[in-house]
Amino acid sequence: MLAENHYRLGILFNLLLQFTKLIKSNISAVRYNLSSAPMEFINNLDVNKKMGEHGVNILPITVVDDEIVLTGRYPSNDELIEFLDLSPGFFMD
């Protein structure tokens, strides 16, 4: 259990670093939490449909330019680079 918590913290820390880098580079990035912003999940018809089909187990959902690009886990740096058409070393700086 302790190892799993450390793993989750590492993933969330990486997510924080990703968001920080994106925002500092003037790239719009927003993270919504189902418990604090449920209307964001309801109002996005594609997200709402996916959650209706698969439940909360499909979370997290990554949406880029109104298109669902990943479900069930947070994106890696390489995936974000691909999804956002960023330079290969974007997260290395």
PDB file of N, CA and C in Angstrom:
ATOM      1  N   MET A   1       0.820  -1.194   0.000  1.00  0.00           N
ATOM      2  CA  MET A   1       0.000   0.000   0.000  1.00  0.00           C
ATOM      3  C   MET A   1       0.869   1.265   0.000  1.00  0.00           C
ATOM      4  N   LEU A   2       1.929   1.252   0.786  1.00  0.00           N
ATOM      5  CA  LEU A   2       2.816   2.404   0.855  1.00  0.00           C
ATOM      6  C   LEU A   2       3.485   2.662  -0.488  1.00  0.00           C
ATOM      7  N   ALA A   3       3.927   1.590  -1.141  1.00  0.00           N
ATOM      8  CA  ALA A   3       4.572   1.732  -2.453  1.00  0.00           C
ATOM      9  C   ALA A   3       3.587   2.295  -3.466  1.00  0.00           C
ATOM     10  N   GLU A   4       2.329   1.857  -3.410  1.00  0.00           N
ATOM     11  CA  GLU A   4       1.303   2.358  -4.327  1.00  0.00           C
ATOM     12  C   GLU A   4       1.056   3.843  -4.099  1.00  0.00           C
ATOM     13  N   ASN A   5       1.032   4.279  -2.851  1.00  0.00           N
ATOM     14  CA  ASN A   5       0.845   5.700  -2.544  1.00  0.00           C
ATOM     15  C   ASN A   5       2.013   6.530  -3.065  1.00  0.00           C
ATOM     16  N   HIS A   6       3.239   6.022  -2.931  1.00  0.00           N
ATOM     17  CA  HIS A   6       4.401   6.730  -3.460  1.00  0.00           C
ATOM     18  C   HIS A   6       4.316   6.837  -4.977  1.00  0.00           C
ATOM     19  N   TYR A   7       3.864   5.758  -5.621  1.00  0.00           N
ATOM     20  CA  TYR A   7       3.719   5.764  -7.079  1.00  0.00           C
ATOM     21  C   TYR A   7       2.714   6.829  -7.504  1.00  0.00           C
ATOM     22  N   ARG A   8       1.567   6.879  -6.824  1.00  0.00           N
ATOM     23  CA  ARG A   8       0.538   7.877  -7.149  1.00  0.00           C
ATOM     24  C   ARG A   8       1.039   9.298  -6.918  1.00  0.00           C
ATOM     25  N   LEU A   9       1.764   9.489  -5.838  1.00  0.00           N
ATOM     26  CA  LEU A   9       2.321  10.820  -5.575  1.00  0.00           C
ATOM     27  C   LEU A   9       3.304  11.225  -6.666  1.00  0.00           C
ATOM     28  N   GLY A  10       4.097  10.276  -7.146  1.00  0.00           N
ATOM     29  CA  GLY A  10       5.035  10.551  -8.232  1.00  0.00           C
ATOM     30  C   GLY A  10       4.310  10.961  -9.498  1.00  0.00           C
ATOM     31  N   ILE A  11       3.221  10.279  -9.805  1.00  0.00           N
ATOM     32  CA  ILE A  11       2.428  10.607 -10.992  1.00  0.00           C
ATOM     33  C   ILE A  11       1.827  12.004 -10.854  1.00  0.00           C
ATOM     34  N   LEU A  12       1.264  12.305  -9.695  1.00  0.00           N
ATOM     35  CA  LEU A  12       0.657  13.626  -9.491  1.00  0.00           C
ATOM     36  C   LEU A  12       1.718  14.731  -9.488  1.00  0.00           C
ATOM     37  N   PHE A  13       2.898  14.430  -8.960  1.00  0.00           N
ATOM     38  CA  PHE A  13       3.974  15.415  -8.983  1.00  0.00           C
ATOM     39  C   PHE A  13       4.403  15.695 -10.422  1.00  0.00           C
ATOM     40  N   ASN A  14       4.522  14.642 -11.230  1.00  0.00           N
ATOM     41  CA  ASN A  14       4.867  14.832 -12.643  1.00  0.00           C
ATOM     42  C   ASN A  14       3.787  15.642 -13.357  1.00  0.00           C
ATOM     43  N   LEU A  15       2.528  15.380 -13.039  1.00  0.00           N
ATOM     44  CA  LEU A  15       1.432  16.139 -13.628  1.00  0.00           C
ATOM     45  C   LEU A  15       1.559  17.620 -13.277  1.00  0.00           C
ATOM     46  N   LEU A  16       1.894  17.907 -12.028  1.00  0.00           N
ATOM     47  CA  LEU A  16       2.100  19.291 -11.602  1.00  0.00           C
ATOM     48  C   LEU A  16       3.238  19.937 -12.386  1.00  0.00           C
ATOM     49  N   LEU A  17       4.330  19.217 -12.568  1.00  0.00           N
ATOM     50  CA  LEU A  17       5.448  19.743 -13.349  1.00  0.00           C
ATOM     51  C   LEU A  17       5.042  19.993 -14.802  1.00  0.00           C
ATOM     52  N   GLN A  18       4.273  19.065 -15.375  1.00  0.00           N
ATOM     53  CA  GLN A  18       3.800  19.241 -16.750  1.00  0.00           C
ATOM     54  C   GLN A  18       2.954  20.501 -16.864  1.00  0.00           C
ATOM     55  N   PHE A  19       1.986  20.668 -15.962  1.00  0.00           N
ATOM     56  CA  PHE A  19       1.104  21.829 -16.012  1.00  0.00           C
ATOM     57  C   PHE A  19       1.887  23.121 -15.822  1.00  0.00           C
ATOM     58  N   THR A  20       2.833  23.115 -14.902  1.00  0.00           N
ATOM     59  CA  THR A  20       3.652  24.301 -14.659  1.00  0.00           C
ATOM     60  C   THR A  20       4.408  24.701 -15.919  1.00  0.00           C
ATOM     61  N   LYS A  21       5.021  23.740 -16.579  1.00  0.00           N
ATOM     62  CA  LYS A  21       5.781  24.013 -17.803  1.00  0.00           C
ATOM     63  C   LYS A  21       4.855  24.513 -18.916  1.00  0.00           C
ATOM     64  N   LEU A  22       3.703  23.879 -19.083  1.00  0.00           N
ATOM     65  CA  LEU A  22       2.756  24.299 -20.123  1.00  0.00           C
ATOM     66  C   LEU A  22       2.284  25.726 -19.883  1.00  0.00           C
ATOM     67  N   ILE A  23       1.899  26.034 -18.660  1.00  0.00           N
ATOM     68  CA  ILE A  23       1.365  27.359 -18.346  1.00  0.00           C
ATOM     69  C   ILE A  23       2.452  28.423 -18.488  1.00  0.00           C
ATOM     70  N   LYS A  24       3.683  28.127 -18.050  1.00  0.00           N
ATOM     71  CA  LYS A  24       4.785  29.081 -18.203  1.00  0.00           C
ATOM     72  C   LYS A  24       5.106  29.332 -19.673  1.00  0.00           C
ATOM     73  N   SER A  25       4.732  28.371 -20.525  1.00  0.00           N
ATOM     74  CA  SER A  25       4.966  28.505 -21.969  1.00  0.00           C
ATOM     75  C   SER A  25       3.733  29.057 -22.683  1.00  0.00           C
ATOM     76  N   ASN A  26       2.775  29.597 -21.917  1.00  0.00           N
ATOM     77  CA  ASN A  26       1.533  30.174 -22.454  1.00  0.00           C
ATOM     78  C   ASN A  26       0.689  29.168 -23.225  1.00  0.00           C
ATOM     79  N   ILE A  27       0.712  27.914 -22.771  1.00  0.00           N
ATOM     80  CA  ILE A  27      -0.141  26.881 -23.341  1.00  0.00           C
ATOM     81  C   ILE A  27      -1.251  26.627 -22.330  1.00  0.00           C
ATOM     82  N   SER A  28      -2.484  26.764 -22.771  1.00  0.00           N
ATOM     83  CA  SER A  28      -3.622  26.604 -21.883  1.00  0.00           C
ATOM     84  C   SER A  28      -3.735  25.155 -21.407  1.00  0.00           C
ATOM     85  N   ALA A  29      -3.807  24.987 -20.089  1.00  0.00           N
ATOM     86  CA  ALA A  29      -3.962  23.661 -19.500  1.00  0.00           C
ATOM     87  C   ALA A  29      -4.823  23.793 -18.251  1.00  0.00           C
ATOM     88  N   VAL A  30      -5.830  22.948 -18.149  1.00  0.00           N
ATOM     89  CA  VAL A  30      -6.745  22.991 -17.009  1.00  0.00           C
ATOM     90  C   VAL A  30      -6.982  21.569 -16.533  1.00  0.00           C
ATOM     91  N   ARG A  31      -7.004  21.396 -15.224  1.00  0.00           N
ATOM     92  CA  ARG A  31      -7.309  20.087 -14.638  1.00  0.00           C
ATOM     93  C   ARG A  31      -8.565  20.234 -13.793  1.00  0.00           C
ATOM     94  N   TYR A  32      -9.542  19.381 -14.068  1.00  0.00           N
ATOM     95  CA  TYR A  32     -10.784  19.402 -13.296  1.00  0.00           C
ATOM     96  C   TYR A  32     -10.852  18.148 -12.442  1.00  0.00           C
ATOM     97  N   ASN A  33     -11.396  18.313 -11.247  1.00  0.00           N
ATOM     98  CA  ASN A  33     -11.615  17.203 -10.338  1.00  0.00           C
ATOM     99  C   ASN A  33     -13.113  16.942 -10.278  1.00  0.00           C
ATOM    100  N   LEU A  34     -13.504  15.704 -10.407  1.00  0.00           N
ATOM    101  CA  LEU A  34     -14.927  15.359 -10.447  1.00  0.00           C
ATOM    102  C   LEU A  34     -15.665  15.822  -9.197  1.00  0.00           C
ATOM    103  N   SER A  35     -15.026  15.712  -8.038  1.00  0.00           N
ATOM    104  CA  SER A  35     -15.729  16.085  -6.806  1.00  0.00           C
ATOM    105  C   SER A  35     -15.886  17.595  -6.639  1.00  0.00           C
ATOM    106  N   SER A  36     -14.958  18.373  -7.188  1.00  0.00           N
ATOM    107  CA  SER A  36     -15.053  19.827  -7.002  1.00  0.00           C
ATOM    108  C   SER A  36     -15.608  20.567  -8.218  1.00  0.00           C
ATOM    109  N   ALA A  37     -15.619  19.927  -9.379  1.00  0.00           N
ATOM    110  CA  ALA A  37     -16.128  20.581 -10.596  1.00  0.00           C
ATOM    111  C   ALA A  37     -16.935  19.587 -11.449  1.00  0.00           C
ATOM    112  N   PRO A  38     -17.984  19.002 -10.884  1.00  0.00           N
ATOM    113  CA  PRO A  38     -18.734  17.982 -11.629  1.00  0.00           C
ATOM    114  C   PRO A  38     -19.388  18.495 -12.910  1.00  0.00           C
ATOM    115  N   MET A  39     -19.732  19.767 -12.938  1.00  0.00           N
ATOM    116  CA  MET A  39     -20.393  20.298 -14.139  1.00  0.00           C
ATOM    117  C   MET A  39     -19.478  20.275 -15.358  1.00  0.00           C
ATOM    118  N   GLU A  40     -18.182  20.364 -15.157  1.00  0.00           N
ATOM    119  CA  GLU A  40     -17.239  20.287 -16.283  1.00  0.00           C
ATOM    120  C   GLU A  40     -17.336  18.926 -16.958  1.00  0.00           C
ATOM    121  N   PHE A  41     -17.570  17.881 -16.180  1.00  0.00           N
ATOM    122  CA  PHE A  41     -17.695  16.536 -16.706  1.00  0.00           C
ATOM    123  C   PHE A  41     -19.063  16.323 -17.348  1.00  0.00           C
ATOM    124  N   ILE A  42     -20.060  16.951 -16.807  1.00  0.00           N
ATOM    125  CA  ILE A  42     -21.418  16.840 -17.344  1.00  0.00           C
ATOM    126  C   ILE A  42     -21.559  17.641 -18.636  1.00  0.00           C
ATOM    127  N   ASN A  43     -21.003  18.842 -18.660  1.00  0.00           N
ATOM    128  CA  ASN A  43     -21.163  19.736 -19.811  1.00  0.00           C
ATOM    129  C   ASN A  43     -20.360  19.332 -21.040  1.00  0.00           C
ATOM    130  N   ASN A  44     -19.283  18.576 -20.850  1.00  0.00           N
ATOM    131  CA  ASN A  44     -18.527  18.083 -21.996  1.00  0.00           C
ATOM    132  C   ASN A  44     -19.208  16.802 -22.463  1.00  0.00           C
ATOM    133  N   LEU A  45     -19.911  16.878 -23.591  1.00  0.00           N
ATOM    134  CA  LEU A  45     -20.739  15.763 -24.040  1.00  0.00           C
ATOM    135  C   LEU A  45     -19.942  14.490 -24.286  1.00  0.00           C
ATOM    136  N   ASP A  46     -18.739  14.605 -24.835  1.00  0.00           N
ATOM    137  CA  ASP A  46     -17.926  13.417 -25.092  1.00  0.00           C
ATOM    138  C   ASP A  46     -17.473  12.766 -23.785  1.00  0.00           C
ATOM    139  N   VAL A  47     -17.036  13.584 -22.848  1.00  0.00           N
ATOM    140  CA  VAL A  47     -16.626  13.069 -21.542  1.00  0.00           C
ATOM    141  C   VAL A  47     -17.821  12.457 -20.826  1.00  0.00           C
ATOM    142  N   ASN A  48     -18.945  13.153 -20.868  1.00  0.00           N
ATOM    143  CA  ASN A  48     -20.169  12.656 -20.239  1.00  0.00           C
ATOM    144  C   ASN A  48     -20.557  11.297 -20.817  1.00  0.00           C
ATOM    145  N   LYS A  49     -20.488  11.157 -22.130  1.00  0.00           N
ATOM    146  CA  LYS A  49     -20.838   9.891 -22.782  1.00  0.00           C
ATOM    147  C   LYS A  49     -19.890   8.777 -22.361  1.00  0.00           C
ATOM    148  N   LYS A  50     -18.587   9.056 -22.379  1.00  0.00           N
ATOM    149  CA  LYS A  50     -17.590   8.050 -21.983  1.00  0.00           C
ATOM    150  C   LYS A  50     -17.820   7.594 -20.544  1.00  0.00           C
ATOM    151  N   MET A  51     -18.094   8.555 -19.667  1.00  0.00           N
ATOM    152  CA  MET A  51     -18.326   8.201 -18.273  1.00  0.00           C
ATOM    153  C   MET A  51     -19.627   7.432 -18.104  1.00  0.00           C
ATOM    154  N   GLY A  52     -20.627   7.744 -18.929  1.00  0.00           N
ATOM    155  CA  GLY A  52     -21.871   6.994 -18.895  1.00  0.00           C
ATOM    156  C   GLY A  52     -21.667   5.550 -19.329  1.00  0.00           C
ATOM    157  N   GLU A  53     -20.753   5.339 -20.266  1.00  0.00           N
ATOM    158  CA  GLU A  53     -20.461   3.994 -20.773  1.00  0.00           C
ATOM    159  C   GLU A  53     -19.557   3.201 -19.837  1.00  0.00           C
ATOM    160  N   HIS A  54     -18.584   3.868 -19.219  1.00  0.00           N
ATOM    161  CA  HIS A  54     -17.531   3.167 -18.482  1.00  0.00           C
ATOM    162  C   HIS A  54     -17.463   3.507 -16.995  1.00  0.00           C
ATOM    163  N   GLY A  55     -18.224   4.503 -16.557  1.00  0.00           N
ATOM    164  CA  GLY A  55     -18.172   4.906 -15.158  1.00  0.00           C
ATOM    165  C   GLY A  55     -16.899   5.666 -14.832  1.00  0.00           C
ATOM    166  N   VAL A  56     -16.669   5.848 -13.551  1.00  0.00           N
ATOM    167  CA  VAL A  56     -15.520   6.641 -13.121  1.00  0.00           C
ATOM    168  C   VAL A  56     -14.192   5.907 -13.323  1.00  0.00           C
ATOM    169  N   ASN A  57     -14.246   4.630 -13.624  1.00  0.00           N
ATOM    170  CA  ASN A  57     -13.008   3.884 -13.865  1.00  0.00           C
ATOM    171  C   ASN A  57     -12.273   4.371 -15.101  1.00  0.00           C
ATOM    172  N   ILE A  58     -12.942   5.145 -15.945  1.00  0.00           N
ATOM    173  CA  ILE A  58     -12.309   5.682 -17.160  1.00  0.00           C
ATOM    174  C   ILE A  58     -11.429   6.892 -16.841  1.00  0.00           C
ATOM    175  N   LEU A  59     -11.605   7.450 -15.639  1.00  0.00           N
ATOM    176  CA  LEU A  59     -10.816   8.619 -15.238  1.00  0.00           C
ATOM    177  C   LEU A  59      -9.382   8.221 -14.926  1.00  0.00           C
ATOM    178  N   PRO A  60      -8.434   9.116 -15.145  1.00  0.00           N
ATOM    179  CA  PRO A  60      -8.573  10.451 -15.703  1.00  0.00           C
ATOM    180  C   PRO A  60      -8.772  10.424 -17.215  1.00  0.00           C
ATOM    181  N   ILE A  61      -9.334  11.499 -17.728  1.00  0.00           N
ATOM    182  CA  ILE A  61      -9.557  11.666 -19.164  1.00  0.00           C
ATOM    183  C   ILE A  61      -8.760  12.887 -19.622  1.00  0.00           C
ATOM    184  N   THR A  62      -7.968  12.705 -20.658  1.00  0.00           N
ATOM    185  CA  THR A  62      -7.205  13.818 -21.220  1.00  0.00           C
ATOM    186  C   THR A  62      -7.893  14.269 -22.498  1.00  0.00           C
ATOM    187  N   VAL A  63      -8.214  15.561 -22.561  1.00  0.00           N
ATOM    188  CA  VAL A  63      -8.890  16.157 -23.705  1.00  0.00           C
ATOM    189  C   VAL A  63      -7.979  17.235 -24.287  1.00  0.00           C
ATOM    190  N   VAL A  64      -7.764  17.170 -25.594  1.00  0.00           N
ATOM    191  CA  VAL A  64      -6.968  18.176 -26.293  1.00  0.00           C
ATOM    192  C   VAL A  64      -7.795  18.696 -27.457  1.00  0.00           C
ATOM    193  N   ASP A  65      -7.985  20.009 -27.506  1.00  0.00           N
ATOM    194  CA  ASP A  65      -8.785  20.634 -28.571  1.00  0.00           C
ATOM    195  C   ASP A  65     -10.132  19.939 -28.734  1.00  0.00           C
ATOM    196  N   ASP A  66     -10.811  19.728 -27.608  1.00  0.00           N
ATOM    197  CA  ASP A  66     -12.156  19.139 -27.545  1.00  0.00           C
ATOM    198  C   ASP A  66     -12.210  17.688 -27.996  1.00  0.00           C
ATOM    199  N   GLU A  67     -11.086  16.997 -28.044  1.00  0.00           N
ATOM    200  CA  GLU A  67     -11.052  15.587 -28.433  1.00  0.00           C
ATOM    201  C   GLU A  67     -10.429  14.766 -27.309  1.00  0.00           C
ATOM    202  N   ILE A  68     -11.091  13.681 -26.937  1.00  0.00           N
ATOM    203  CA  ILE A  68     -10.525  12.775 -25.940  1.00  0.00           C
ATOM    204  C   ILE A  68      -9.353  12.047 -26.579  1.00  0.00           C
ATOM    205  N   VAL A  69      -8.174  12.189 -25.963  1.00  0.00           N
ATOM    206  CA  VAL A  69      -6.977  11.561 -26.527  1.00  0.00           C
ATOM    207  C   VAL A  69      -6.420  10.451 -25.646  1.00  0.00           C
ATOM    208  N   LEU A  70      -6.877  10.376 -24.389  1.00  0.00           N
ATOM    209  CA  LEU A  70      -6.358   9.354 -23.479  1.00  0.00           C
ATOM    210  C   LEU A  70      -7.333   9.173 -22.326  1.00  0.00           C
ATOM    211  N   THR A  71      -7.507   7.935 -21.904  1.00  0.00           N
ATOM    212  CA  THR A  71      -8.365   7.655 -20.752  1.00  0.00           C
ATOM    213  C   THR A  71      -7.672   6.650 -19.835  1.00  0.00           C
ATOM    214  N   GLY A  72      -8.069   6.686 -18.570  1.00  0.00           N
ATOM    215  CA  GLY A  72      -7.632   5.686 -17.618  1.00  0.00           C
ATOM    216  C   GLY A  72      -6.304   5.934 -16.927  1.00  0.00           C
ATOM    217  N   ARG A  73      -5.566   6.928 -17.377  1.00  0.00           N
ATOM    218  CA  ARG A  73      -4.287   7.275 -16.747  1.00  0.00           C
ATOM    219  C   ARG A  73      -3.867   8.657 -17.220  1.00  0.00           C
ATOM    220  N   TYR A  74      -2.902   9.228 -16.512  1.00  0.00           N
ATOM    221  CA  TYR A  74      -2.380  10.531 -16.914  1.00  0.00           C
ATOM    222  C   TYR A  74      -1.364  10.341 -18.035  1.00  0.00           C
ATOM    223  N   PRO A  75      -1.255  11.323 -18.921  1.00  0.00           N
ATOM    224  CA  PRO A  75      -0.313  11.191 -20.043  1.00  0.00           C
ATOM    225  C   PRO A  75       1.136  11.328 -19.592  1.00  0.00           C
ATOM    226  N   SER A  76       2.003  10.631 -20.303  1.00  0.00           N
ATOM    227  CA  SER A  76       3.439  10.789 -20.076  1.00  0.00           C
ATOM    228  C   SER A  76       3.901  12.077 -20.752  1.00  0.00           C
ATOM    229  N   ASN A  77       5.121  12.474 -20.472  1.00  0.00           N
ATOM    230  CA  ASN A  77       5.686  13.644 -21.138  1.00  0.00           C
ATOM    231  C   ASN A  77       5.687  13.441 -22.649  1.00  0.00           C
ATOM    232  N   ASP A  78       6.118  12.260 -23.088  1.00  0.00           N
ATOM    233  CA  ASP A  78       6.172  11.985 -24.528  1.00  0.00           C
ATOM    234  C   ASP A  78       4.787  12.046 -25.172  1.00  0.00           C
ATOM    235  N   GLU A  79       3.776  11.565 -24.478  1.00  0.00           N
ATOM    236  CA  GLU A  79       2.419  11.627 -25.019  1.00  0.00           C
ATOM    237  C   GLU A  79       1.942  13.070 -25.131  1.00  0.00           C
ATOM    238  N   LEU A  80       2.205  13.877 -24.111  1.00  0.00           N
ATOM    239  CA  LEU A  80       1.810  15.288 -24.190  1.00  0.00           C
ATOM    240  C   LEU A  80       2.529  15.992 -25.330  1.00  0.00           C
ATOM    241  N   ILE A  81       3.791  15.674 -25.518  1.00  0.00           N
ATOM    242  CA  ILE A  81       4.544  16.255 -26.633  1.00  0.00           C
ATOM    243  C   ILE A  81       3.862  15.905 -27.949  1.00  0.00           C
ATOM    244  N   GLU A  82       3.434  14.657 -28.080  1.00  0.00           N
ATOM    245  CA  GLU A  82       2.750  14.234 -29.306  1.00  0.00           C
ATOM    246  C   GLU A  82       1.374  14.893 -29.430  1.00  0.00           C
ATOM    247  N   PHE A  83       0.582  14.855 -28.367  1.00  0.00           N
ATOM    248  CA  PHE A  83      -0.778  15.407 -28.407  1.00  0.00           C
ATOM    249  C   PHE A  83      -0.781  16.897 -28.728  1.00  0.00           C
ATOM    250  N   LEU A  84       0.212  17.616 -28.193  1.00  0.00           N
ATOM    251  CA  LEU A  84       0.240  19.070 -28.327  1.00  0.00           C
ATOM    252  C   LEU A  84       1.197  19.558 -29.401  1.00  0.00           C
ATOM    253  N   ASP A  85       1.821  18.631 -30.119  1.00  0.00           N
ATOM    254  CA  ASP A  85       2.770  18.951 -31.179  1.00  0.00           C
ATOM    255  C   ASP A  85       3.875  19.882 -30.669  1.00  0.00           C
ATOM    256  N   LEU A  86       4.487  19.478 -29.563  1.00  0.00           N
ATOM    257  CA  LEU A  86       5.555  20.251 -28.950  1.00  0.00           C
ATOM    258  C   LEU A  86       6.911  19.736 -29.416  1.00  0.00           C
ATOM    259  N   SER A  87       7.951  20.508 -29.178  1.00  0.00           N
ATOM    260  CA  SER A  87       9.298  20.070 -29.547  1.00  0.00           C
ATOM    261  C   SER A  87       9.687  18.887 -28.664  1.00  0.00           C
ATOM    262  N   PRO A  88      10.486  17.962 -29.189  1.00  0.00           N
ATOM    263  CA  PRO A  88      10.816  16.729 -28.458  1.00  0.00           C
ATOM    264  C   PRO A  88      11.388  16.951 -27.058  1.00  0.00           C
ATOM    265  N   GLY A  89      12.147  17.979 -26.829  1.00  0.00           N
ATOM    266  CA  GLY A  89      12.748  18.222 -25.529  1.00  0.00           C
ATOM    267  C   GLY A  89      11.975  19.185 -24.652  1.00  0.00           C
ATOM    268  N   PHE A  90      10.722  19.411 -24.965  1.00  0.00           N
ATOM    269  CA  PHE A  90       9.935  20.452 -24.288  1.00  0.00           C
ATOM    270  C   PHE A  90      10.002  20.348 -22.766  1.00  0.00           C
ATOM    271  N   PHE A  91       9.846  19.165 -22.220  1.00  0.00           N
ATOM    272  CA  PHE A  91       9.808  19.006 -20.764  1.00  0.00           C
ATOM    273  C   PHE A  91      11.191  18.847 -20.137  1.00  0.00           C
ATOM    274  N   MET A  92      12.224  18.867 -20.948  1.00  0.00           N
ATOM    275  CA  MET A  92      13.586  18.701 -20.444  1.00  0.00           C
ATOM    276  C   MET A  92      14.171  20.027 -19.955  1.00  0.00           C
ATOM    277  N   ASP A  93      13.660  21.137 -20.442  1.00  0.00           N
ATOM    278  CA  ASP A  93      14.219  22.452 -20.083  1.00  0.00           C
ATOM    279  C   ASP A  93      13.994  22.771 -18.628  1.00  0.00           C
TER     280      ASP A  93
END
